[in-house]
N, C-alpha and C. Protein backbone atom coordinates (compact mmCIF):
# COMPACT_ATOMS: atom_id res chain seq x y z
N UNK A 1 0.84 -1.23 -0.01
CA UNK A 1 -0.01 -0.06 -0.03
C UNK A 1 0.87 1.22 -0.04
N UNK A 2 0.44 2.19 -0.84
CA UNK A 2 1.25 3.50 -0.92
C UNK A 2 0.58 4.53 0.02
N UNK A 3 1.44 5.12 0.73
CA UNK A 3 0.89 6.09 1.82
C UNK A 3 1.22 7.50 1.32
N UNK A 4 1.67 7.77 0.12
CA UNK A 4 1.99 9.04 -0.39
C UNK A 4 0.69 9.81 -0.54
N UNK A 5 0.40 10.83 0.37
CA UNK A 5 -0.76 11.62 0.26
C UNK A 5 -0.65 12.95 -0.46
N UNK A 6 0.64 13.27 -0.95
CA UNK A 6 0.94 14.29 -1.74
C UNK A 6 0.07 14.50 -2.96
N UNK A 7 0.01 13.47 -3.92
CA UNK A 7 -0.89 13.63 -5.03
C UNK A 7 -2.34 13.93 -4.61
N UNK A 8 -2.84 13.27 -3.58
CA UNK A 8 -4.18 13.54 -3.16
C UNK A 8 -4.43 15.01 -2.82
N UNK A 9 -3.46 15.59 -2.05
CA UNK A 9 -3.60 16.94 -1.61
C UNK A 9 -3.52 17.82 -2.85
N UNK A 10 -2.65 17.55 -3.85
CA UNK A 10 -2.50 18.31 -5.09
C UNK A 10 -3.81 18.30 -5.88
N UNK A 11 -4.45 17.05 -6.02
CA UNK A 11 -5.65 16.85 -6.77
C UNK A 11 -6.73 17.71 -6.09
N UNK A 12 -6.86 17.80 -4.77
CA UNK A 12 -7.92 18.56 -4.05
C UNK A 12 -7.70 19.92 -4.42
N UNK A 13 -6.38 20.59 -4.28
CA UNK A 13 -6.18 21.91 -4.52
C UNK A 13 -6.50 22.29 -6.01
N UNK A 14 -6.09 21.47 -6.97
CA UNK A 14 -6.37 21.70 -8.34
C UNK A 14 -7.84 21.74 -8.75
N UNK A 15 -8.66 20.97 -7.91
CA UNK A 15 -10.12 21.01 -8.12
C UNK A 15 -10.79 22.19 -7.61
N UNK A 16 -10.14 22.98 -6.93
CA UNK A 16 -10.76 24.24 -6.27
C UNK A 16 -10.36 25.53 -7.09
N UNK A 17 -11.33 25.88 -8.00
CA UNK A 17 -11.08 26.95 -8.89
C UNK A 17 -10.76 28.35 -8.20
N UNK A 18 -11.32 28.48 -7.03
CA UNK A 18 -10.98 29.79 -6.27
C UNK A 18 -9.51 29.86 -5.84
N UNK A 19 -8.88 28.81 -5.79
CA UNK A 19 -7.44 28.69 -5.43
C UNK A 19 -6.70 28.79 -6.65
N UNK A 20 -6.98 27.89 -7.75
CA UNK A 20 -6.11 27.97 -9.00
C UNK A 20 -6.19 29.18 -9.71
N UNK A 21 -7.20 29.98 -9.62
CA UNK A 21 -7.41 31.21 -10.36
C UNK A 21 -6.35 32.12 -9.92
N UNK A 22 -5.89 32.10 -8.81
CA UNK A 22 -4.87 33.05 -8.24
C UNK A 22 -3.49 32.57 -8.45
N UNK A 23 -3.30 31.44 -8.94
CA UNK A 23 -1.93 30.89 -9.08
C UNK A 23 -1.31 31.11 -10.50
N UNK A 24 -0.03 31.13 -10.53
CA UNK A 24 0.58 31.14 -11.90
C UNK A 24 0.38 29.74 -12.45
N UNK A 25 0.91 29.63 -13.69
CA UNK A 25 0.78 28.35 -14.38
C UNK A 25 2.11 27.75 -14.63
N UNK A 26 2.19 26.44 -14.68
CA UNK A 26 3.38 25.69 -14.91
C UNK A 26 2.96 24.57 -15.89
N UNK A 27 3.54 24.60 -17.07
CA UNK A 27 3.27 23.46 -18.04
C UNK A 27 1.67 23.31 -18.24
N UNK A 28 1.10 24.44 -18.36
CA UNK A 28 -0.29 24.36 -18.68
C UNK A 28 -1.30 24.24 -17.61
N UNK A 29 -0.80 24.00 -16.24
CA UNK A 29 -1.69 23.66 -15.20
C UNK A 29 -1.43 24.73 -14.10
N UNK A 30 -2.21 24.86 -13.17
CA UNK A 30 -1.96 25.72 -12.00
C UNK A 30 -0.73 25.25 -11.32
N UNK A 31 0.01 26.23 -10.79
CA UNK A 31 1.38 25.93 -10.28
C UNK A 31 1.26 25.38 -8.82
N UNK A 32 0.93 24.06 -8.72
CA UNK A 32 0.94 23.28 -7.43
C UNK A 32 1.91 22.13 -7.58
N UNK A 33 2.80 22.09 -6.62
CA UNK A 33 3.88 21.13 -6.83
C UNK A 33 4.07 20.09 -5.56
N UNK A 34 4.49 19.01 -5.93
CA UNK A 34 4.70 17.96 -4.76
C UNK A 34 6.16 17.66 -4.66
N UNK A 35 7.07 18.47 -5.05
CA UNK A 35 8.43 18.13 -4.81
C UNK A 35 9.24 19.33 -4.53
N UNK A 36 10.24 19.12 -3.78
CA UNK A 36 11.24 20.14 -3.40
C UNK A 36 12.58 19.62 -3.77
N UNK A 37 13.48 20.31 -4.51
CA UNK A 37 13.22 21.62 -5.05
C UNK A 37 12.27 21.60 -6.14
N UNK A 38 11.78 22.91 -6.38
CA UNK A 38 10.79 23.02 -7.54
C UNK A 38 11.53 22.94 -8.91
N UNK A 39 10.67 22.51 -9.82
CA UNK A 39 11.35 22.48 -11.17
C UNK A 39 11.67 23.83 -11.67
N UNK A 40 12.54 23.84 -12.63
CA UNK A 40 13.05 25.12 -13.29
C UNK A 40 11.74 25.73 -13.98
N UNK A 41 11.68 26.98 -13.97
CA UNK A 41 10.67 27.69 -14.79
C UNK A 41 9.36 27.99 -13.99
N UNK A 42 9.35 27.65 -12.66
CA UNK A 42 8.18 28.01 -11.80
C UNK A 42 8.17 29.50 -11.41
N UNK A 43 7.12 30.20 -11.63
CA UNK A 43 6.87 31.54 -11.26
C UNK A 43 5.78 31.63 -10.18
N UNK A 44 5.90 32.80 -9.48
CA UNK A 44 5.01 32.99 -8.28
C UNK A 44 3.65 33.74 -8.82
N UNK A 45 2.71 33.51 -8.09
CA UNK A 45 2.58 32.63 -6.88
C UNK A 45 2.35 31.24 -7.21
N UNK A 46 2.77 30.40 -6.26
CA UNK A 46 2.69 28.97 -6.39
C UNK A 46 2.48 28.25 -5.10
N UNK A 47 2.03 26.98 -5.14
CA UNK A 47 1.86 26.19 -4.00
C UNK A 47 2.83 25.00 -3.98
N UNK A 48 3.43 24.64 -2.90
CA UNK A 48 4.24 23.46 -2.85
C UNK A 48 3.92 22.61 -1.55
N UNK A 49 3.74 21.40 -1.76
CA UNK A 49 3.33 20.43 -0.80
C UNK A 49 4.60 19.75 -0.35
N UNK A 50 4.81 19.85 0.97
CA UNK A 50 5.99 19.16 1.54
C UNK A 50 6.00 17.62 1.56
N UNK A 51 7.22 17.07 1.64
CA UNK A 51 7.22 15.57 1.83
C UNK A 51 6.52 15.43 3.31
N UNK A 52 6.37 14.16 3.75
CA UNK A 52 5.90 13.95 5.09
C UNK A 52 6.67 14.68 6.19
N UNK A 53 6.06 15.47 7.08
CA UNK A 53 6.63 16.04 8.24
C UNK A 53 6.77 14.92 9.32
N UNK A 54 5.67 14.09 9.32
CA UNK A 54 5.67 13.01 10.30
C UNK A 54 4.65 11.97 9.86
N UNK A 55 4.87 10.74 10.18
CA UNK A 55 3.94 9.64 10.00
C UNK A 55 4.03 8.88 11.38
N UNK A 56 2.82 8.79 12.06
CA UNK A 56 2.65 8.17 13.26
C UNK A 56 1.78 7.00 13.08
N UNK A 57 2.04 5.88 13.62
CA UNK A 57 1.05 4.78 13.55
C UNK A 57 0.27 4.56 14.74
N UNK A 58 -1.08 4.65 14.56
CA UNK A 58 -2.05 4.33 15.53
C UNK A 58 -2.83 3.15 15.15
N UNK A 59 -2.13 2.10 14.90
CA UNK A 59 -2.78 0.86 14.27
C UNK A 59 -3.76 0.22 15.25
N UNK A 60 -4.75 -0.40 14.59
CA UNK A 60 -5.76 -1.12 15.31
C UNK A 60 -5.41 -2.58 15.34
N UNK A 61 -6.18 -3.42 15.83
CA UNK A 61 -5.96 -4.86 15.76
C UNK A 61 -5.95 -5.46 14.33
N UNK A 62 -6.82 -4.82 13.53
CA UNK A 62 -6.90 -5.50 12.25
C UNK A 62 -6.66 -4.41 11.02
N UNK A 63 -6.18 -3.22 11.39
CA UNK A 63 -6.01 -2.34 10.33
C UNK A 63 -4.88 -1.32 10.67
N UNK A 64 -4.23 -0.84 9.55
CA UNK A 64 -3.30 0.18 9.72
C UNK A 64 -3.94 1.44 9.86
N UNK A 65 -3.52 2.40 10.75
CA UNK A 65 -4.06 3.68 11.06
C UNK A 65 -3.12 4.70 11.05
N UNK A 66 -2.50 5.04 9.96
CA UNK A 66 -1.43 6.12 10.13
C UNK A 66 -2.06 7.54 10.24
N UNK A 67 -1.26 8.42 10.98
CA UNK A 67 -1.56 9.78 10.97
C UNK A 67 -0.42 10.51 10.25
N UNK A 68 -0.76 11.16 9.24
CA UNK A 68 0.25 11.80 8.34
C UNK A 68 0.10 13.38 8.48
N UNK A 69 1.35 13.93 8.61
CA UNK A 69 1.36 15.45 8.79
C UNK A 69 2.12 15.97 7.62
N UNK A 70 1.51 16.89 6.78
CA UNK A 70 2.12 17.57 5.64
C UNK A 70 2.01 18.99 5.79
N UNK A 71 2.96 19.88 5.23
CA UNK A 71 2.75 21.28 5.12
C UNK A 71 2.45 21.55 3.70
N UNK A 72 1.63 22.58 3.56
CA UNK A 72 1.32 23.10 2.32
C UNK A 72 1.76 24.60 2.29
N UNK A 73 2.64 24.97 1.50
CA UNK A 73 3.28 26.24 1.34
C UNK A 73 2.60 27.04 0.22
N UNK A 74 2.42 28.34 0.36
CA UNK A 74 2.12 29.20 -0.62
C UNK A 74 3.09 30.40 -0.67
N UNK A 75 3.69 30.60 -1.81
CA UNK A 75 4.63 31.72 -1.90
C UNK A 75 4.32 32.66 -3.07
N UNK A 76 4.71 33.97 -2.79
CA UNK A 76 4.49 35.00 -3.82
C UNK A 76 5.44 35.99 -3.61
N UNK A 77 5.46 36.95 -4.55
CA UNK A 77 6.45 38.11 -4.53
C UNK A 77 5.88 39.21 -3.54
N UNK A 78 6.79 39.69 -2.72
CA UNK A 78 6.36 40.68 -1.74
C UNK A 78 6.86 42.14 -2.14
N UNK A 79 7.71 42.19 -3.20
CA UNK A 79 8.18 43.44 -3.56
C UNK A 79 7.33 44.31 -4.59
N UNK A 80 7.97 45.19 -5.24
CA UNK A 80 7.29 46.10 -6.06
C UNK A 80 6.78 45.48 -7.41
N UNK A 81 7.28 44.35 -7.66
CA UNK A 81 6.87 43.71 -9.03
C UNK A 81 5.40 43.43 -9.01
N UNK A 82 4.98 42.73 -7.96
CA UNK A 82 3.52 42.42 -7.88
C UNK A 82 3.06 42.77 -6.53
N UNK A 83 2.71 44.02 -6.22
CA UNK A 83 2.21 44.49 -4.86
C UNK A 83 0.99 43.59 -4.40
N UNK A 84 0.20 43.03 -5.29
CA UNK A 84 -0.96 42.32 -4.77
C UNK A 84 -0.73 40.92 -4.33
N UNK A 85 0.53 40.47 -4.63
CA UNK A 85 0.84 39.09 -4.27
C UNK A 85 0.81 38.87 -2.80
N UNK A 86 1.17 40.00 -1.89
CA UNK A 86 1.19 39.69 -0.43
C UNK A 86 -0.21 39.34 -0.02
N UNK A 87 -1.24 40.09 -0.50
CA UNK A 87 -2.61 39.82 -0.04
C UNK A 87 -3.17 38.43 -0.67
N UNK A 88 -2.73 38.14 -1.96
CA UNK A 88 -3.01 36.87 -2.63
C UNK A 88 -2.54 35.81 -1.82
N UNK A 89 -1.36 35.80 -1.32
CA UNK A 89 -0.71 34.76 -0.53
C UNK A 89 -1.52 34.48 0.71
N UNK A 90 -1.71 35.62 1.38
CA UNK A 90 -2.59 35.51 2.61
C UNK A 90 -3.99 34.87 2.39
N UNK A 91 -4.58 35.33 1.33
CA UNK A 91 -5.91 34.88 0.88
C UNK A 91 -5.90 33.36 0.50
N UNK A 92 -4.87 32.99 -0.24
CA UNK A 92 -4.68 31.57 -0.62
C UNK A 92 -4.51 30.68 0.57
N UNK A 93 -3.60 31.21 1.59
CA UNK A 93 -3.45 30.40 2.65
C UNK A 93 -4.66 29.98 3.44
N UNK A 94 -5.58 31.03 3.60
CA UNK A 94 -6.83 30.74 4.33
C UNK A 94 -7.73 29.89 3.45
N UNK A 95 -7.75 30.10 2.13
CA UNK A 95 -8.53 29.23 1.22
C UNK A 95 -8.04 27.69 1.31
N UNK A 96 -6.86 27.51 1.34
CA UNK A 96 -6.29 26.15 1.51
C UNK A 96 -6.72 25.64 2.85
N UNK A 97 -6.60 26.28 3.94
CA UNK A 97 -7.09 26.00 5.22
C UNK A 97 -8.56 25.55 5.31
N UNK A 98 -9.45 26.42 4.61
CA UNK A 98 -10.82 26.22 4.52
C UNK A 98 -11.09 24.99 3.72
N UNK A 99 -10.35 24.67 2.55
CA UNK A 99 -10.65 23.63 1.76
C UNK A 99 -10.46 22.31 2.64
N UNK A 100 -9.41 22.18 3.39
CA UNK A 100 -9.13 20.85 3.99
C UNK A 100 -9.69 20.70 5.51
N UNK A 101 -9.88 21.86 6.25
CA UNK A 101 -10.18 21.68 7.62
C UNK A 101 -11.50 21.05 7.87
N UNK A 102 -11.38 19.85 8.66
CA UNK A 102 -12.47 19.10 8.97
C UNK A 102 -13.41 18.62 7.87
N UNK A 103 -12.84 18.46 6.71
CA UNK A 103 -13.46 17.88 5.59
C UNK A 103 -12.80 16.53 4.97
N UNK A 104 -13.13 15.49 5.62
CA UNK A 104 -12.43 14.24 5.13
C UNK A 104 -12.77 13.85 3.74
N UNK A 105 -13.84 14.42 3.17
CA UNK A 105 -14.30 14.03 1.82
C UNK A 105 -13.51 14.67 0.80
N UNK A 106 -12.70 15.64 1.03
CA UNK A 106 -11.85 16.37 0.02
C UNK A 106 -10.70 15.55 -0.44
N UNK A 107 -10.25 14.58 0.28
CA UNK A 107 -9.07 13.70 -0.08
C UNK A 107 -9.59 12.36 -0.43
N UNK A 108 -8.93 11.80 -1.45
CA UNK A 108 -9.02 10.27 -1.75
C UNK A 108 -7.72 9.73 -1.86
N UNK A 109 -7.42 8.81 -0.93
CA UNK A 109 -6.08 8.19 -0.81
C UNK A 109 -6.18 6.68 -1.11
N UNK A 110 -5.52 6.29 -2.08
CA UNK A 110 -5.67 4.84 -2.59
C UNK A 110 -5.31 3.85 -1.30
N UNK A 111 -6.24 2.82 -1.21
CA UNK A 111 -6.17 1.86 -0.20
C UNK A 111 -6.43 2.28 1.20
N UNK A 112 -6.82 3.57 1.46
CA UNK A 112 -7.21 4.13 2.77
C UNK A 112 -8.38 4.78 2.79
N UNK A 113 -9.13 4.85 3.98
CA UNK A 113 -10.23 5.74 4.20
C UNK A 113 -9.69 6.80 4.87
N UNK A 114 -10.26 7.98 4.67
CA UNK A 114 -9.78 9.22 5.31
C UNK A 114 -10.72 9.40 6.56
N UNK A 115 -10.13 9.25 7.65
CA UNK A 115 -10.94 9.40 8.94
C UNK A 115 -11.13 10.83 9.28
N UNK A 116 -10.01 11.64 9.24
CA UNK A 116 -10.31 13.09 9.60
C UNK A 116 -9.06 13.80 8.86
N UNK A 117 -9.40 15.13 8.62
CA UNK A 117 -8.34 16.01 8.29
C UNK A 117 -8.51 17.31 9.11
N UNK A 118 -7.46 17.73 9.71
CA UNK A 118 -7.38 18.98 10.45
C UNK A 118 -6.27 19.86 9.82
N UNK A 119 -6.60 21.28 9.77
CA UNK A 119 -5.69 22.14 9.19
C UNK A 119 -5.35 23.17 10.25
N UNK A 120 -4.05 23.59 10.35
CA UNK A 120 -3.62 24.65 11.18
C UNK A 120 -2.89 25.77 10.33
N UNK A 121 -3.14 26.92 10.67
CA UNK A 121 -2.53 28.02 10.01
C UNK A 121 -3.59 28.76 9.23
N UNK A 122 -3.28 29.56 8.27
CA UNK A 122 -1.95 29.77 7.75
C UNK A 122 -1.02 30.64 8.75
N UNK A 123 0.22 30.36 8.71
CA UNK A 123 1.18 31.12 9.55
C UNK A 123 2.33 31.45 8.48
N UNK A 124 3.21 32.38 9.00
CA UNK A 124 4.32 32.78 8.14
C UNK A 124 5.28 31.61 7.73
N UNK A 125 5.53 31.60 6.41
CA UNK A 125 6.48 30.46 6.00
C UNK A 125 7.84 31.02 5.88
N UNK A 126 8.84 30.17 6.03
CA UNK A 126 10.34 30.67 5.87
C UNK A 126 10.54 31.05 4.49
N UNK A 127 11.45 32.12 4.39
CA UNK A 127 11.78 32.62 3.09
C UNK A 127 13.25 33.19 3.15
N UNK A 128 14.14 32.92 2.29
CA UNK A 128 15.45 33.39 2.31
C UNK A 128 15.67 34.76 1.62
N UNK A 129 14.55 35.19 1.23
CA UNK A 129 14.54 36.48 0.38
C UNK A 129 13.51 37.41 0.96
N UNK A 130 13.72 38.66 1.19
CA UNK A 130 12.85 39.74 1.59
C UNK A 130 11.84 40.07 0.51
N UNK A 131 12.07 39.61 -0.74
CA UNK A 131 11.09 39.91 -1.79
C UNK A 131 10.02 38.82 -1.95
N UNK A 132 10.16 37.79 -1.05
CA UNK A 132 9.21 36.63 -1.14
C UNK A 132 8.44 36.57 0.09
N UNK A 133 7.09 36.38 -0.04
CA UNK A 133 6.28 36.21 1.07
C UNK A 133 5.66 34.85 1.09
N UNK A 134 5.50 34.22 2.29
CA UNK A 134 4.94 32.93 2.15
C UNK A 134 4.07 32.61 3.42
N UNK A 135 3.18 31.69 3.25
CA UNK A 135 2.32 31.08 4.30
C UNK A 135 2.32 29.64 4.29
N UNK A 136 2.12 29.01 5.40
CA UNK A 136 2.08 27.51 5.46
C UNK A 136 0.93 27.11 6.28
N UNK A 137 0.27 26.09 5.69
CA UNK A 137 -0.93 25.41 6.43
C UNK A 137 -0.44 23.95 6.66
N UNK A 138 -0.54 23.48 7.90
CA UNK A 138 -0.19 22.26 8.29
C UNK A 138 -1.47 21.38 8.37
N UNK A 139 -1.38 20.18 7.62
CA UNK A 139 -2.45 19.31 7.59
C UNK A 139 -2.20 18.10 8.41
N UNK A 140 -3.04 17.69 9.19
CA UNK A 140 -3.05 16.37 9.99
C UNK A 140 -3.98 15.53 9.47
N UNK A 141 -3.64 14.40 8.86
CA UNK A 141 -4.52 13.49 8.15
C UNK A 141 -4.59 12.07 8.90
N UNK A 142 -5.68 11.77 9.27
CA UNK A 142 -5.79 10.40 9.91
C UNK A 142 -6.45 9.46 8.86
N UNK A 143 -5.80 8.27 8.69
CA UNK A 143 -6.22 7.34 7.71
C UNK A 143 -6.37 5.99 8.40
N UNK A 144 -7.30 5.14 7.61
CA UNK A 144 -7.47 3.72 8.10
C UNK A 144 -7.39 2.83 6.86
N UNK A 145 -6.58 1.88 6.98
CA UNK A 145 -6.39 0.95 5.72
C UNK A 145 -7.74 0.28 5.37
N UNK A 146 -7.93 0.12 4.18
CA UNK A 146 -9.24 -0.58 3.70
C UNK A 146 -9.02 -2.03 3.64
N UNK A 147 -7.83 -2.57 3.76
CA UNK A 147 -7.56 -4.08 3.65
C UNK A 147 -7.64 -4.84 5.02
């Protein structure tokens, strides 16, 4: 069984037009990525889904019950190039939180039932550049194996 929830998170974000309408595009799709470092040619604003922050096992007698924690980052330009990106990043952070928080139906994970999804944030995301603004939403996803 594959426990990679990154594609499921990406699919849920891409299905939400209020989020994708505010993102740049990459290779013809909204700029939502599941790998770090980002591919060459990515422009802001964009979303990047981290690898697992943590995976904890709360197994039952007859099923795997992992708890997966992932960060979802939103980045945009904070400088004079796109003054509106600061507010866009803030708005996107809240939209991502609202999309996932307490809605287990938004995710489909192969071989698992989604028991719950909790979202924390958005809070400031790290940036090595004063011209870049970021927000991060942390997702805590409880799963139960279907097998």
